[in-house]
Amino acid sequence: MTSANPGQPVWKNFTRDREFPFSTVGSLLIHGLFFGLITVSVLVNRSRNDAIEIEPVTWTDPPGAGNRGSDSTLRQGIPQGIDVMETLAQHPIRRIDDDPPPPAIKIDTPQPVLPDEANREPAPPLKPLPQLASFMKGMPSGSANKGSGGPGPGSGGVGQGSAGTGAGPDGAGHISQKTKRQLRWTLLFTTAGAADYLQQLQILKAEMGVQAKDGSTRMVRDLSRRPALLESSRPPAERIFWMDDNAASVRALAEELRIDGELWRMIAFFPESLEKQLLEKELLYGKGFGRKSEDDIKETKFRVEIRYGQAKISVVEQQGFVNSAGRAP
């Protein structure tokens, strides 16, 4: 146990092992050695007398002689005795605007030789296209005489067998439902000529019957082929058909199909799928007016429009029979 004596000097605690004298002497020795080294280095550098080599510059021309281009030595100033402006006048600065325009390239193009208008033969005039029948209708009124189905004095259709009875409404026998449909249906086309008309019939998948004046009938199955291929086959039975015996219309269709001969009538036979489509549209339109069946309909007009190679058919007008009350159902 160590007791503290308040009266004991504090200095003795720090000089007990003589630290202060040793530290003072050591510091003086280190500083003295450092300054000695500096003094020795200064004295050694002063004893050396290295001369700096100086290379004099000799001017061969007076000051301001410039670089005259006689050698490759670069000199200062402007050459004496030379008029700089005179040199510039002799060799002016050339601008791009001073260059003459490049010569135009001339290409010798032979001029087209035009025919002499006075000696030129006039072009043949275009044949006027007759107005084609714009509707499909059934057998007209009348009946054919006895014969092999040729044309009778009336405007009846193709005769049937040896009896030669026409299928018109005045003909003998019962009128079928198909015949009634042909009589009340009108199919409106918008055509730009014989070629357009035949193209629309082709889209409707119709077949054309070509009837000559001697009564013979040949079929054209492909309406897009030129010249048309005539087949000696019987017309299709049980088809709705359109007939045109107008001389101008028959001639225009024959010229387009490139068919020769004494022709009398053109008959377009339509497929059963078209008949079914027309009947569905007719009945649907009639229901809006209270017509329950096709027997309540007197006449229906359809319009045919060709869009993107497809036929669009719509009802544009319809008339019903007048009932006992004096109203059309």
C-alpha atoms as a PDB file:
ATOM      1  CA  MET A   1       0.000   0.000   0.000  1.00  0.00           C
ATOM      2  CA  THR A   2       1.368   3.360  -1.022  1.00  0.00           C
ATOM      3  CA  SER A   3       0.578   6.455   0.940  1.00  0.00           C
ATOM      4  CA  ALA A   4       0.441   9.855  -0.747  1.00  0.00           C
ATOM      5  CA  ASN A   5       2.446  12.618   0.833  1.00  0.00           C
ATOM      6  CA  PRO A   6       1.031  16.012  -0.111  1.00  0.00           C
ATOM      7  CA  GLY A   7       4.248  17.757   0.781  1.00  0.00           C
ATOM      8  CA  GLN A   8       6.472  15.655  -1.460  1.00  0.00           C
ATOM      9  CA  PRO A   9       7.692  17.582  -4.605  1.00  0.00           C
ATOM     10  CA  VAL A  10       6.070  16.549  -7.816  1.00  0.00           C
ATOM     11  CA  TRP A  11       9.352  17.023  -9.776  1.00  0.00           C
ATOM     12  CA  LYS A  12      10.940  14.025  -8.209  1.00  0.00           C
ATOM     13  CA  ASN A  13       8.301  11.782  -9.736  1.00  0.00           C
ATOM     14  CA  PHE A  14       9.478  12.758 -13.281  1.00  0.00           C
ATOM     15  CA  THR A  15      13.253  12.890 -12.689  1.00  0.00           C
ATOM     16  CA  ARG A  16      13.551   9.718 -10.779  1.00  0.00           C
ATOM     17  CA  ASP A  17      15.334   7.902 -13.676  1.00  0.00           C
ATOM     18  CA  ARG A  18      16.914  11.104 -15.145  1.00  0.00           C
ATOM     19  CA  GLU A  19      14.715  11.239 -18.241  1.00  0.00           C
ATOM     20  CA  PHE A  20      15.018  14.966 -18.738  1.00  0.00           C
ATOM     21  CA  PRO A  21      18.850  15.179 -19.063  1.00  0.00           C
ATOM     22  CA  PHE A  22      18.982  12.288 -21.568  1.00  0.00           C
ATOM     23  CA  SER A  23      16.202  13.666 -23.801  1.00  0.00           C
ATOM     24  CA  THR A  24      17.770  17.111 -23.919  1.00  0.00           C
ATOM     25  CA  VAL A  25      21.200  15.837 -24.923  1.00  0.00           C
ATOM     26  CA  GLY A  26      19.708  13.513 -27.601  1.00  0.00           C
ATOM     27  CA  SER A  27      17.690  16.330 -29.204  1.00  0.00           C
ATOM     28  CA  LEU A  28      20.745  18.576 -29.445  1.00  0.00           C
ATOM     29  CA  LEU A  29      22.821  15.850 -31.090  1.00  0.00           C
ATOM     30  CA  ILE A  30      20.153  15.145 -33.767  1.00  0.00           C
ATOM     31  CA  HIS A  31      19.697  18.814 -34.683  1.00  0.00           C
ATOM     32  CA  GLY A  32      23.454  19.355 -34.817  1.00  0.00           C
ATOM     33  CA  LEU A  33      23.887  16.420 -37.204  1.00  0.00           C
ATOM     34  CA  PHE A  34      21.131  17.726 -39.521  1.00  0.00           C
ATOM     35  CA  PHE A  35      22.571  21.225 -39.783  1.00  0.00           C
ATOM     36  CA  GLY A  36      26.035  19.760 -40.362  1.00  0.00           C
ATOM     37  CA  LEU A  37      24.855  17.812 -43.360  1.00  0.00           C
ATOM     38  CA  ILE A  38      23.314  20.926 -44.872  1.00  0.00           C
ATOM     39  CA  THR A  39      26.516  22.900 -44.432  1.00  0.00           C
ATOM     40  CA  VAL A  40      28.651  20.208 -46.052  1.00  0.00           C
ATOM     41  CA  SER A  41      26.354  19.966 -49.112  1.00  0.00           C
ATOM     42  CA  VAL A  42      26.494  23.727 -49.644  1.00  0.00           C
ATOM     43  CA  LEU A  43      30.268  23.789 -49.497  1.00  0.00           C
ATOM     44  CA  VAL A  44      30.591  20.902 -51.961  1.00  0.00           C
ATOM     45  CA  ASN A  45      28.328  22.592 -54.537  1.00  0.00           C
ATOM     46  CA  ARG A  46      30.277  25.841 -54.289  1.00  0.00           C
ATOM     47  CA  SER A  47      33.545  24.071 -55.068  1.00  0.00           C
ATOM     48  CA  ARG A  48      32.189  22.864 -58.477  1.00  0.00           C
ATOM     49  CA  ASN A  49      32.570  25.380 -61.335  1.00  0.00           C
ATOM     50  CA  ASP A  50      30.693  23.823 -64.325  1.00  0.00           C
ATOM     51  CA  ALA A  51      30.594  26.228 -67.244  1.00  0.00           C
ATOM     52  CA  ILE A  52      27.371  26.601 -69.247  1.00  0.00           C
ATOM     53  CA  GLU A  53      27.977  26.129 -72.950  1.00  0.00           C
ATOM     54  CA  ILE A  54      26.475  28.927 -75.050  1.00  0.00           C
ATOM     55  CA  GLU A  55      26.078  28.511 -78.802  1.00  0.00           C
ATOM     56  CA  PRO A  56      26.123  31.908 -80.517  1.00  0.00           C
ATOM     57  CA  VAL A  57      23.540  32.656 -83.235  1.00  0.00           C
ATOM     58  CA  THR A  58      24.937  34.174 -86.406  1.00  0.00           C
ATOM     59  CA  TRP A  59      22.728  36.256 -88.648  1.00  0.00           C
ATOM     60  CA  THR A  60      23.694  35.854 -92.309  1.00  0.00           C
ATOM     61  CA  ASP A  61      21.204  38.514 -93.444  1.00  0.00           C
ATOM     62  CA  PRO A  62      20.374  41.811 -91.900  1.00  0.00           C
ATOM     63  CA  PRO A  63      17.638  41.791 -89.287  1.00  0.00           C
ATOM     64  CA  GLY A  64      14.233  41.619 -90.787  1.00  0.00           C
ATOM     65  CA  ALA A  65      15.385  39.798 -93.896  1.00  0.00           C
ATOM     66  CA  GLY A  66      12.548  37.276 -93.708  1.00  0.00           C
ATOM     67  CA  ASN A  67      12.360  33.919 -95.414  1.00  0.00           C
ATOM     68  CA  ARG A  68      12.903  34.365 -99.118  1.00  0.00           C
ATOM     69  CA  GLY A  69      12.478  30.775 -99.998  1.00  0.00           C
ATOM     70  CA  SER A  70      16.143  30.283-100.997  1.00  0.00           C
ATOM     71  CA  ASP A  71      16.763  27.771 -98.220  1.00  0.00           C
ATOM     72  CA  SER A  72      14.859  25.954 -95.530  1.00  0.00           C
ATOM     73  CA  THR A  73      16.066  28.168 -92.651  1.00  0.00           C
ATOM     74  CA  LEU A  74      13.242  29.960 -90.869  1.00  0.00           C
ATOM     75  CA  ARG A  75      13.884  33.678 -90.480  1.00  0.00           C
ATOM     76  CA  GLN A  76      11.914  36.533 -89.024  1.00  0.00           C
ATOM     77  CA  GLY A  77      10.506  39.683 -90.564  1.00  0.00           C
ATOM     78  CA  ILE A  78       9.462  40.728 -94.047  1.00  0.00           C
ATOM     79  CA  PRO A  79      12.034  40.450 -96.902  1.00  0.00           C
ATOM     80  CA  GLN A  80      13.654  43.740 -97.575  1.00  0.00           C
ATOM     81  CA  GLY A  81      13.479  45.335-100.992  1.00  0.00           C
ATOM     82  CA  ILE A  82      10.319  43.365-102.102  1.00  0.00           C
ATOM     83  CA  ASP A  83       6.949  45.029-102.583  1.00  0.00           C
ATOM     84  CA  VAL A  84       4.445  42.668-101.016  1.00  0.00           C
ATOM     85  CA  MET A  85       1.423  44.349-102.604  1.00  0.00           C
ATOM     86  CA  GLU A  86       3.003  44.028-106.047  1.00  0.00           C
ATOM     87  CA  THR A  87       3.395  40.299-105.486  1.00  0.00           C
ATOM     88  CA  LEU A  88      -0.244  39.988-104.479  1.00  0.00           C
ATOM     89  CA  ALA A  89      -1.297  41.945-107.559  1.00  0.00           C
ATOM     90  CA  GLN A  90       0.631  39.576-109.772  1.00  0.00           C
ATOM     91  CA  HIS A  91      -0.829  36.528-108.071  1.00  0.00           C
ATOM     92  CA  PRO A  92      -4.325  37.497-106.842  1.00  0.00           C
ATOM     93  CA  ILE A  93      -6.303  35.209-104.606  1.00  0.00           C
ATOM     94  CA  ARG A  94      -8.667  33.114-106.719  1.00  0.00           C
ATOM     95  CA  ARG A  95     -12.212  32.715-105.451  1.00  0.00           C
ATOM     96  CA  ILE A  96     -14.661  29.964-106.339  1.00  0.00           C
ATOM     97  CA  ASP A  97     -17.067  32.536-107.743  1.00  0.00           C
ATOM     98  CA  ASP A  98     -14.461  33.524-110.361  1.00  0.00           C
ATOM     99  CA  ASP A  99     -14.484  30.036-111.933  1.00  0.00           C
ATOM    100  CA  PRO A 100     -16.435  29.822-115.191  1.00  0.00           C
ATOM    101  CA  PRO A 101     -19.524  27.601-115.120  1.00  0.00           C
ATOM    102  CA  PRO A 102     -18.980  24.029-116.302  1.00  0.00           C
ATOM    103  CA  PRO A 103     -20.000  23.384-119.877  1.00  0.00           C
ATOM    104  CA  ALA A 104     -23.524  22.009-120.271  1.00  0.00           C
ATOM    105  CA  ILE A 105     -23.732  18.355-121.235  1.00  0.00           C
ATOM    106  CA  LYS A 106     -25.731  18.007-124.396  1.00  0.00           C
ATOM    107  CA  ILE A 107     -27.414  14.709-125.089  1.00  0.00           C
ATOM    108  CA  ASP A 108     -28.564  14.172-128.597  1.00  0.00           C
ATOM    109  CA  THR A 109     -31.977  12.534-128.261  1.00  0.00           C
ATOM    110  CA  PRO A 110     -33.682  11.662-131.501  1.00  0.00           C
ATOM    111  CA  GLN A 111     -37.047  13.323-131.758  1.00  0.00           C
ATOM    112  CA  PRO A 112     -39.988  10.964-132.277  1.00  0.00           C
ATOM    113  CA  VAL A 113     -41.270  10.964-135.789  1.00  0.00           C
ATOM    114  CA  LEU A 114     -44.912  11.952-135.757  1.00  0.00           C
ATOM    115  CA  PRO A 115     -47.124  10.786-138.577  1.00  0.00           C
ATOM    116  CA  ASP A 116     -48.491  13.336-140.902  1.00  0.00           C
ATOM    117  CA  GLU A 117     -51.905  14.213-139.566  1.00  0.00           C
ATOM    118  CA  ALA A 118     -53.147  15.064-143.029  1.00  0.00           C
ATOM    119  CA  ASN A 119     -52.179  11.662-144.467  1.00  0.00           C
ATOM    120  CA  ARG A 120     -53.084   9.689-141.369  1.00  0.00           C
ATOM    121  CA  GLU A 121     -56.009   7.306-141.716  1.00  0.00           C
ATOM    122  CA  PRO A 122     -58.785   8.058-139.239  1.00  0.00           C
ATOM    123  CA  ALA A 123     -59.342   5.459-136.511  1.00  0.00           C
ATOM    124  CA  PRO A 124     -62.442   3.378-137.003  1.00  0.00           C
ATOM    125  CA  PRO A 125     -65.306   4.540-134.774  1.00  0.00           C
ATOM    126  CA  LEU A 126     -66.235   2.389-131.810  1.00  0.00           C
ATOM    127  CA  LYS A 127     -69.334   0.360-132.206  1.00  0.00           C
ATOM    128  CA  PRO A 128     -72.119   1.675-129.999  1.00  0.00           C
ATOM    129  CA  LEU A 129     -72.866  -0.826-127.264  1.00  0.00           C
ATOM    130  CA  PRO A 130     -76.581  -1.544-127.164  1.00  0.00           C
ATOM    131  CA  GLN A 131     -78.506  -1.176-123.965  1.00  0.00           C
ATOM    132  CA  LEU A 132     -78.623  -4.658-122.469  1.00  0.00           C
ATOM    133  CA  ALA A 133     -81.634  -5.985-120.661  1.00  0.00           C
ATOM    134  CA  SER A 134     -81.137  -4.969-117.051  1.00  0.00           C
ATOM    135  CA  PHE A 135     -83.509  -7.451-115.448  1.00  0.00           C
ATOM    136  CA  MET A 136     -84.200 -11.144-115.277  1.00  0.00           C
ATOM    137  CA  LYS A 137     -87.746 -12.129-115.940  1.00  0.00           C
ATOM    138  CA  GLY A 138     -89.499 -15.394-116.444  1.00  0.00           C
ATOM    139  CA  MET A 139     -91.318 -16.768-119.442  1.00  0.00           C
ATOM    140  CA  PRO A 140     -93.397 -14.108-121.166  1.00  0.00           C
ATOM    141  CA  SER A 141     -97.063 -14.613-121.852  1.00  0.00           C
ATOM    142  CA  GLY A 142     -97.933 -16.892-124.763  1.00  0.00           C
ATOM    143  CA  SER A 143     -97.341 -20.457-125.865  1.00  0.00           C
ATOM    144  CA  ALA A 144     -95.299 -22.031-128.625  1.00  0.00           C
ATOM    145  CA  ASN A 145     -96.799 -23.900-131.525  1.00  0.00           C
ATOM    146  CA  LYS A 146     -96.279 -27.578-132.066  1.00  0.00           C
ATOM    147  CA  GLY A 147     -92.806 -28.445-133.020  1.00  0.00           C
ATOM    148  CA  SER A 148     -89.433 -29.278-131.629  1.00  0.00           C
ATOM    149  CA  GLY A 149     -89.269 -26.401-129.223  1.00  0.00           C
ATOM    150  CA  GLY A 150     -88.401 -23.652-131.683  1.00  0.00           C
ATOM    151  CA  PRO A 151     -89.749 -20.143-131.608  1.00  0.00           C
ATOM    152  CA  GLY A 152     -93.532 -19.842-132.041  1.00  0.00           C
ATOM    153  CA  PRO A 153     -95.529 -16.814-133.149  1.00  0.00           C
ATOM    154  CA  GLY A 154     -95.824 -15.851-129.526  1.00  0.00           C
ATOM    155  CA  SER A 155     -92.833 -14.964-127.383  1.00  0.00           C
ATOM    156  CA  GLY A 156     -92.949 -18.202-125.430  1.00  0.00           C
ATOM    157  CA  GLY A 157     -89.933 -20.028-124.118  1.00  0.00           C
ATOM    158  CA  VAL A 158     -88.232 -23.206-125.170  1.00  0.00           C
ATOM    159  CA  GLY A 159     -90.857 -25.748-126.204  1.00  0.00           C
ATOM    160  CA  GLN A 160     -91.082 -29.080-124.450  1.00  0.00           C
ATOM    161  CA  GLY A 161     -91.276 -32.296-126.504  1.00  0.00           C
ATOM    162  CA  SER A 162     -93.521 -32.865-129.455  1.00  0.00           C
ATOM    163  CA  ALA A 163     -96.423 -31.071-127.840  1.00  0.00           C
ATOM    164  CA  GLY A 164     -94.451 -27.830-127.926  1.00  0.00           C
ATOM    165  CA  THR A 165     -96.370 -26.388-125.022  1.00  0.00           C
ATOM    166  CA  GLY A 166     -94.737 -23.236-123.666  1.00  0.00           C
ATOM    167  CA  ALA A 167     -94.263 -22.602-120.013  1.00  0.00           C
ATOM    168  CA  GLY A 168     -95.950 -19.198-120.070  1.00  0.00           C
ATOM    169  CA  PRO A 169     -98.820 -18.359-117.762  1.00  0.00           C
ATOM    170  CA  ASP A 170    -101.267 -18.864-120.605  1.00  0.00           C
ATOM    171  CA  GLY A 171     -99.832 -22.269-121.449  1.00  0.00           C
ATOM    172  CA  ALA A 172    -101.657 -25.495-120.829  1.00  0.00           C
ATOM    173  CA  GLY A 173    -101.293 -27.350-117.599  1.00  0.00           C
ATOM    174  CA  HIS A 174    -100.644 -26.378-114.033  1.00  0.00           C
ATOM    175  CA  ILE A 175     -98.197 -23.546-113.354  1.00  0.00           C
ATOM    176  CA  SER A 176     -95.450 -24.729-111.046  1.00  0.00           C
ATOM    177  CA  GLN A 177     -94.147 -22.775-108.061  1.00  0.00           C
ATOM    178  CA  LYS A 178     -90.860 -22.260-109.869  1.00  0.00           C
ATOM    179  CA  THR A 179     -92.652 -20.669-112.814  1.00  0.00           C
ATOM    180  CA  LYS A 180     -94.567 -18.389-110.460  1.00  0.00           C
ATOM    181  CA  ARG A 181     -91.287 -17.230-108.948  1.00  0.00           C
ATOM    182  CA  GLN A 182     -89.875 -16.434-112.370  1.00  0.00           C
ATOM    183  CA  LEU A 183     -92.969 -14.393-113.199  1.00  0.00           C
ATOM    184  CA  ARG A 184     -92.825 -12.239-110.070  1.00  0.00           C
ATOM    185  CA  TRP A 185     -89.057 -11.853-109.682  1.00  0.00           C
ATOM    186  CA  THR A 186     -87.123  -9.056-111.284  1.00  0.00           C
ATOM    187  CA  LEU A 187     -83.347  -9.061-110.966  1.00  0.00           C
ATOM    188  CA  LEU A 188     -81.781  -5.616-111.547  1.00  0.00           C
ATOM    189  CA  PHE A 189     -78.186  -5.324-112.751  1.00  0.00           C
ATOM    190  CA  THR A 190     -75.914  -2.343-113.200  1.00  0.00           C
ATOM    191  CA  THR A 191     -73.691  -3.096-116.168  1.00  0.00           C
ATOM    192  CA  ALA A 192     -71.051  -1.194-118.135  1.00  0.00           C
ATOM    193  CA  GLY A 193     -71.261  -3.347-121.250  1.00  0.00           C
ATOM    194  CA  ALA A 194     -71.493  -6.872-122.518  1.00  0.00           C
ATOM    195  CA  ALA A 195     -68.200  -7.977-120.926  1.00  0.00           C
ATOM    196  CA  ASP A 196     -69.227  -6.631-117.506  1.00  0.00           C
ATOM    197  CA  TYR A 197     -72.656  -8.221-117.853  1.00  0.00           C
ATOM    198  CA  LEU A 198     -71.213 -11.644-118.642  1.00  0.00           C
ATOM    199  CA  GLN A 199     -68.749 -11.306-115.767  1.00  0.00           C
ATOM    200  CA  GLN A 200     -71.611 -10.726-113.332  1.00  0.00           C
ATOM    201  CA  LEU A 201     -73.449 -13.757-114.683  1.00  0.00           C
ATOM    202  CA  GLN A 202     -70.236 -15.766-114.226  1.00  0.00           C
ATOM    203  CA  ILE A 203     -70.018 -14.676-110.572  1.00  0.00           C
ATOM    204  CA  LEU A 204     -73.653 -15.787-110.117  1.00  0.00           C
ATOM    205  CA  LYS A 205     -72.565 -19.185-111.561  1.00  0.00           C
ATOM    206  CA  ALA A 206     -74.981 -18.905-114.453  1.00  0.00           C
ATOM    207  CA  GLU A 207     -74.783 -20.916-117.688  1.00  0.00           C
ATOM    208  CA  MET A 208     -75.683 -19.384-121.038  1.00  0.00           C
ATOM    209  CA  GLY A 209     -77.878 -21.068-123.601  1.00  0.00           C
ATOM    210  CA  VAL A 210     -77.395 -19.840-127.178  1.00  0.00           C
ATOM    211  CA  GLN A 211     -80.436 -20.494-129.331  1.00  0.00           C
ATOM    212  CA  ALA A 212     -80.187 -20.205-133.115  1.00  0.00           C
ATOM    213  CA  LYS A 213     -82.963 -19.261-135.474  1.00  0.00           C
ATOM    214  CA  ASP A 214     -83.318 -22.896-136.548  1.00  0.00           C
ATOM    215  CA  GLY A 215     -84.361 -23.768-132.982  1.00  0.00           C
ATOM    216  CA  SER A 216     -81.155 -25.536-131.935  1.00  0.00           C
ATOM    217  CA  THR A 217     -79.718 -24.642-128.540  1.00  0.00           C
ATOM    218  CA  ARG A 218     -76.079 -24.956-127.453  1.00  0.00           C
ATOM    219  CA  MET A 219     -74.694 -24.316-123.977  1.00  0.00           C
ATOM    220  CA  VAL A 220     -71.818 -22.130-122.788  1.00  0.00           C
ATOM    221  CA  ARG A 221     -70.657 -23.397-119.390  1.00  0.00           C
ATOM    222  CA  ASP A 222     -67.671 -21.088-118.899  1.00  0.00           C
ATOM    223  CA  LEU A 223     -68.635 -17.439-119.552  1.00  0.00           C
ATOM    224  CA  SER A 224     -65.069 -16.213-119.023  1.00  0.00           C
ATOM    225  CA  ARG A 225     -63.559 -18.154-121.932  1.00  0.00           C
ATOM    226  CA  ARG A 226     -62.865 -16.380-125.232  1.00  0.00           C
ATOM    227  CA  PRO A 227     -63.912 -17.571-127.706  1.00  0.00           C
ATOM    228  CA  ALA A 228     -66.674 -19.331-125.826  1.00  0.00           C
ATOM    229  CA  LEU A 229     -66.893 -23.109-126.051  1.00  0.00           C
ATOM    230  CA  LEU A 230     -70.294 -24.200-127.345  1.00  0.00           C
ATOM    231  CA  GLU A 231     -71.512 -27.595-126.154  1.00  0.00           C
ATOM    232  CA  SER A 232     -74.261 -29.511-127.927  1.00  0.00           C
ATOM    233  CA  SER A 233     -76.070 -30.555-124.752  1.00  0.00           C
ATOM    234  CA  ARG A 234     -79.557 -30.185-123.404  1.00  0.00           C
ATOM    235  CA  PRO A 235     -80.330 -27.130-121.276  1.00  0.00           C
ATOM    236  CA  PRO A 236     -80.464 -27.830-117.536  1.00  0.00           C
ATOM    237  CA  ALA A 237     -83.910 -28.730-116.294  1.00  0.00           C
ATOM    238  CA  GLU A 238     -85.729 -27.225-113.341  1.00  0.00           C
ATOM    239  CA  ARG A 239     -83.759 -23.979-113.312  1.00  0.00           C
ATOM    240  CA  ILE A 240     -84.908 -20.406-113.148  1.00  0.00           C
ATOM    241  CA  PHE A 241     -83.709 -18.574-116.218  1.00  0.00           C
ATOM    242  CA  TRP A 242     -83.569 -15.224-117.941  1.00  0.00           C
ATOM    243  CA  MET A 243     -84.162 -14.775-121.644  1.00  0.00           C
ATOM    244  CA  ASP A 244     -83.259 -11.987-124.023  1.00  0.00           C
ATOM    245  CA  ASP A 245     -84.357 -12.047-127.665  1.00  0.00           C
ATOM    246  CA  ASN A 246     -83.625  -8.386-128.333  1.00  0.00           C
ATOM    247  CA  ALA A 247     -81.578  -8.353-131.541  1.00  0.00           C
ATOM    248  CA  ALA A 248     -79.141  -5.667-130.348  1.00  0.00           C
ATOM    249  CA  SER A 249     -78.558  -7.376-126.999  1.00  0.00           C
ATOM    250  CA  VAL A 250     -78.093 -10.794-128.583  1.00  0.00           C
ATOM    251  CA  ARG A 251     -75.619  -9.375-131.092  1.00  0.00           C
ATOM    252  CA  ALA A 252     -73.593  -7.607-128.368  1.00  0.00           C
ATOM    253  CA  LEU A 253     -73.376 -10.754-126.228  1.00  0.00           C
ATOM    254  CA  ALA A 254     -72.456 -12.887-129.241  1.00  0.00           C
ATOM    255  CA  GLU A 255     -69.664 -10.505-130.246  1.00  0.00           C
ATOM    256  CA  GLU A 256     -68.274 -10.535-126.734  1.00  0.00           C
ATOM    257  CA  LEU A 257     -68.393 -14.332-126.583  1.00  0.00           C
ATOM    258  CA  ARG A 258     -66.976 -14.470-130.146  1.00  0.00           C
ATOM    259  CA  ILE A 259     -69.796 -16.668-131.394  1.00  0.00           C
ATOM    260  CA  ASP A 260     -70.743 -16.736-135.069  1.00  0.00           C
ATOM    261  CA  GLY A 261     -74.007 -17.767-136.607  1.00  0.00           C
ATOM    262  CA  GLU A 262     -77.606 -16.675-136.987  1.00  0.00           C
ATOM    263  CA  LEU A 263     -78.573 -16.322-133.314  1.00  0.00           C
ATOM    264  CA  TRP A 264     -82.039 -15.627-132.061  1.00  0.00           C
ATOM    265  CA  ARG A 265     -82.040 -15.763-128.249  1.00  0.00           C
ATOM    266  CA  MET A 266     -79.770 -15.813-125.221  1.00  0.00           C
ATOM    267  CA  ILE A 267     -80.944 -17.748-122.154  1.00  0.00           C
ATOM    268  CA  ALA A 268     -79.162 -17.513-118.779  1.00  0.00           C
ATOM    269  CA  PHE A 269     -79.811 -20.481-116.470  1.00  0.00           C
ATOM    270  CA  PHE A 270     -79.181 -19.826-112.765  1.00  0.00           C
ATOM    271  CA  PRO A 271     -78.261 -22.448-110.153  1.00  0.00           C
ATOM    272  CA  GLU A 272     -80.682 -23.683-107.529  1.00  0.00           C
ATOM    273  CA  SER A 273     -78.579 -22.068-104.796  1.00  0.00           C
ATOM    274  CA  LEU A 274     -79.407 -18.628-106.227  1.00  0.00           C
ATOM    275  CA  GLU A 275     -83.125 -19.468-106.355  1.00  0.00           C
ATOM    276  CA  LYS A 276     -83.014 -20.494-102.704  1.00  0.00           C
ATOM    277  CA  GLN A 277     -81.197 -17.300-101.743  1.00  0.00           C
ATOM    278  CA  LEU A 278     -83.710 -15.112-103.589  1.00  0.00           C
ATOM    279  CA  LEU A 279     -86.658 -16.886-101.941  1.00  0.00           C
ATOM    280  CA  GLU A 280     -85.204 -16.440 -98.447  1.00  0.00           C
ATOM    281  CA  LYS A 281     -84.625 -12.717 -98.994  1.00  0.00           C
ATOM    282  CA  GLU A 282     -88.111 -12.299-100.489  1.00  0.00           C
ATOM    283  CA  LEU A 283     -89.876 -13.981 -97.549  1.00  0.00           C
ATOM    284  CA  LEU A 284     -87.813 -12.139 -94.951  1.00  0.00           C
ATOM    285  CA  TYR A 285     -88.645  -8.805 -96.574  1.00  0.00           C
ATOM    286  CA  GLY A 286     -92.353  -9.691 -96.853  1.00  0.00           C
ATOM    287  CA  LYS A 287     -92.669 -10.574 -93.166  1.00  0.00           C
ATOM    288  CA  GLY A 288     -92.073  -6.939 -92.337  1.00  0.00           C
ATOM    289  CA  PHE A 289     -95.308  -6.140 -94.182  1.00  0.00           C
ATOM    290  CA  GLY A 290     -97.385  -9.043 -92.816  1.00  0.00           C
ATOM    291  CA  ARG A 291     -96.927 -11.328 -95.831  1.00  0.00           C
ATOM    292  CA  LYS A 292     -96.727 -14.812 -94.411  1.00  0.00           C
ATOM    293  CA  SER A 293     -95.951 -16.844 -97.564  1.00  0.00           C
ATOM    294  CA  GLU A 294     -94.822 -16.332-101.136  1.00  0.00           C
ATOM    295  CA  ASP A 295     -98.431 -16.726-102.308  1.00  0.00           C
ATOM    296  CA  ASP A 296     -99.106 -13.326-100.679  1.00  0.00           C
ATOM    297  CA  ILE A 297     -96.444 -11.644-102.840  1.00  0.00           C
ATOM    298  CA  LYS A 298     -97.248 -10.326-106.295  1.00  0.00           C
ATOM    299  CA  GLU A 299     -93.834  -8.970-107.348  1.00  0.00           C
ATOM    300  CA  THR A 300     -90.355  -8.624-105.859  1.00  0.00           C
ATOM    301  CA  LYS A 301     -87.458  -6.685-107.305  1.00  0.00           C
ATOM    302  CA  PHE A 302     -83.887  -7.523-106.360  1.00  0.00           C
ATOM    303  CA  ARG A 303     -80.708  -5.572-106.964  1.00  0.00           C
ATOM    304  CA  VAL A 304     -77.410  -7.322-107.752  1.00  0.00           C
ATOM    305  CA  GLU A 305     -74.162  -5.618-106.759  1.00  0.00           C
ATOM    306  CA  ILE A 306     -70.714  -7.085-107.342  1.00  0.00           C
ATOM    307  CA  ARG A 307     -68.183  -6.179-104.649  1.00  0.00           C
ATOM    308  CA  TYR A 308     -64.675  -7.625-104.558  1.00  0.00           C
ATOM    309  CA  GLY A 309     -65.696 -10.514-106.755  1.00  0.00           C
ATOM    310  CA  GLN A 310     -68.736 -11.394-104.611  1.00  0.00           C
ATOM    311  CA  ALA A 311     -72.407 -10.875-105.440  1.00  0.00           C
ATOM    312  CA  LYS A 312     -74.556  -8.960-102.966  1.00  0.00           C
ATOM    313  CA  ILE A 313     -78.311  -9.290-103.535  1.00  0.00           C
ATOM    314  CA  SER A 314     -80.920  -7.169-101.743  1.00  0.00           C
ATOM    315  CA  VAL A 315     -84.670  -6.524-102.079  1.00  0.00           C
ATOM    316  CA  VAL A 316     -85.433  -2.999-103.293  1.00  0.00           C
ATOM    317  CA  GLU A 317     -89.197  -3.234-103.882  1.00  0.00           C
ATOM    318  CA  GLN A 318     -92.083  -5.618-103.228  1.00  0.00           C
ATOM    319  CA  GLN A 319     -95.822  -5.656-103.896  1.00  0.00           C
ATOM    320  CA  GLY A 320     -98.468  -7.893-102.355  1.00  0.00           C
ATOM    321  CA  PHE A 321    -101.865  -9.058-103.537  1.00  0.00           C
ATOM    322  CA  VAL A 322    -104.917  -7.009-102.552  1.00  0.00           C
ATOM    323  CA  ASN A 323    -107.070  -8.902-100.021  1.00  0.00           C
ATOM    324  CA  SER A 324    -110.825  -8.823 -99.581  1.00  0.00           C
ATOM    325  CA  ALA A 325    -110.575  -5.690 -97.452  1.00  0.00           C
ATOM    326  CA  GLY A 326    -108.984  -3.790-100.341  1.00  0.00           C
ATOM    327  CA  ARG A 327    -105.511  -3.724 -98.759  1.00  0.00           C
ATOM    328  CA  ALA A 328    -102.286  -5.260 -99.914  1.00  0.00           C
ATOM    329  CA  PRO A 329    -100.943  -7.579 -97.179  1.00  0.00           C
END
